[in-house]
Amino acid sequence: MSRIQRHDDGLEVEIHPGREEFAARVVAEREALVGKALHLLSLYLHHDRRGFWLDTITVPSAGEAELSFSWSSADEPEAEAYTRFDVFFSADLHPVGFAVRFH
């Protein structure tokens, strides 16, 4: 069963058993990973990078780490209200893909 780690800045990190060390690396490199994630998203989406914010980090039992973002625009605050942008990172902390999800 996974556990949720809550940080002072409101970030939640979901960590699956046996992945604590990798999760610690991901959290320690969070600023750099967010930069890489936003670069990747901006290559394919026409959203202003400043509108993205990191909601959660998930470190599953196997595979990549996942950084989940929301996006909001000052001009259209509800435009993407039900959309999540997930960026996946490999074990060596390089972005390997992203998904746009609706909830």
Protein backbone atom coordinates (compact mmCIF):
# COMPACT_ATOMS: atom_id res chain seq x y z
CA MET A 1 0.00 0.00 0.00
CA SER A 2 1.31 3.43 -0.90
CA ARG A 3 1.75 6.25 1.56
CA ILE A 4 1.31 9.98 1.11
CA GLN A 5 4.07 12.35 2.15
CA ARG A 6 2.88 15.95 2.62
CA HIS A 7 5.33 18.81 2.36
CA ASP A 8 5.07 22.26 3.95
CA ASP A 9 4.44 23.90 0.58
CA GLY A 10 1.34 21.74 0.01
CA LEU A 11 2.94 19.22 -2.34
CA GLU A 12 1.80 15.63 -1.90
CA VAL A 13 4.10 12.75 -2.84
CA GLU A 14 2.61 9.27 -3.19
CA ILE A 15 5.28 6.66 -2.51
CA HIS A 16 4.80 2.95 -3.12
CA PRO A 17 6.63 0.43 -0.90
CA GLY A 18 10.28 -0.12 -1.75
CA ARG A 19 10.55 3.17 -3.66
CA GLU A 20 11.47 5.47 -0.77
CA GLU A 21 15.05 6.06 -1.95
CA PHE A 22 13.97 6.91 -5.50
CA ALA A 23 11.21 9.16 -4.14
CA ALA A 24 13.77 11.03 -2.03
CA ARG A 25 15.87 11.62 -5.19
CA VAL A 26 12.83 12.88 -7.07
CA VAL A 27 11.86 15.28 -4.28
CA ALA A 28 15.47 16.48 -3.91
CA GLU A 29 15.60 17.20 -7.65
CA ARG A 30 12.07 18.61 -7.78
CA GLU A 31 13.02 22.09 -9.03
CA ALA A 32 15.10 20.71 -11.91
CA LEU A 33 12.42 18.14 -12.77
CA VAL A 34 9.71 20.79 -12.87
CA GLY A 35 11.89 22.81 -15.27
CA LYS A 36 12.36 19.77 -17.52
CA ALA A 37 8.65 18.94 -17.36
CA LEU A 38 7.58 22.47 -18.27
CA HIS A 39 10.06 22.53 -21.14
CA LEU A 40 8.58 19.29 -22.50
CA LEU A 41 5.00 20.50 -22.11
CA SER A 42 5.76 23.84 -23.75
CA LEU A 43 7.19 22.07 -26.81
CA TYR A 44 3.83 20.43 -27.53
CA LEU A 45 1.18 22.59 -25.89
CA HIS A 46 0.34 26.24 -26.46
CA HIS A 47 0.05 27.04 -22.76
CA ASP A 48 2.05 29.68 -20.96
CA ARG A 49 4.55 27.92 -18.67
CA ARG A 50 3.70 30.33 -15.86
CA GLY A 51 0.18 28.90 -15.67
CA PHE A 52 1.32 25.39 -14.66
CA TRP A 53 1.65 24.34 -11.04
CA LEU A 54 2.80 21.06 -9.60
CA ASP A 55 0.02 19.22 -7.76
CA THR A 56 1.47 15.81 -6.93
CA ILE A 57 4.40 13.50 -7.44
CA THR A 58 3.75 9.77 -7.70
CA VAL A 59 6.47 7.14 -7.39
CA PRO A 60 4.84 3.82 -8.35
CA SER A 61 6.04 0.36 -7.37
CA ALA A 62 7.89 0.01 -10.67
CA GLY A 63 8.72 2.29 -13.55
CA GLU A 64 8.85 6.01 -13.77
CA ALA A 65 8.10 8.89 -11.47
CA GLU A 66 5.09 10.98 -12.42
CA LEU A 67 4.75 14.72 -11.87
CA SER A 68 1.14 15.91 -12.20
CA PHE A 69 0.39 19.52 -13.06
CA SER A 70 -2.68 21.69 -13.30
CA TRP A 71 -2.89 24.77 -15.48
CA SER A 72 -4.74 28.04 -15.18
CA SER A 73 -4.81 31.24 -17.19
CA ALA A 74 -5.56 34.68 -15.79
CA ASP A 75 -7.67 35.34 -18.89
CA GLU A 76 -9.62 32.06 -18.69
CA PRO A 77 -9.31 30.61 -15.16
CA GLU A 78 -11.77 27.77 -15.85
CA ALA A 79 -10.42 26.85 -19.30
CA GLU A 80 -8.45 23.78 -18.17
CA ALA A 81 -10.03 23.29 -14.74
CA TYR A 82 -10.67 19.58 -15.33
CA THR A 83 -7.40 18.80 -17.09
CA ARG A 84 -4.28 17.25 -15.59
CA PHE A 85 -0.89 17.21 -17.31
CA ASP A 86 1.29 14.28 -16.22
CA VAL A 87 4.98 14.11 -17.11
CA PHE A 88 6.82 10.80 -16.68
CA PHE A 89 10.48 10.52 -15.69
CA SER A 90 12.79 7.53 -16.07
CA ALA A 91 14.99 6.12 -13.29
CA ASP A 92 17.77 8.50 -14.39
CA LEU A 93 15.34 11.43 -14.05
CA HIS A 94 14.91 12.27 -17.73
CA PRO A 95 11.45 13.03 -19.10
CA VAL A 96 10.17 10.13 -21.20
CA GLY A 97 6.65 11.29 -22.04
CA PHE A 98 3.52 13.04 -20.95
CA ALA A 99 -0.22 12.51 -20.86
CA VAL A 100 -3.12 14.91 -20.84
CA ARG A 101 -5.93 13.59 -18.66
CA PHE A 102 -9.43 14.81 -18.00
CA HIS A 103 -11.11 14.31 -14.65
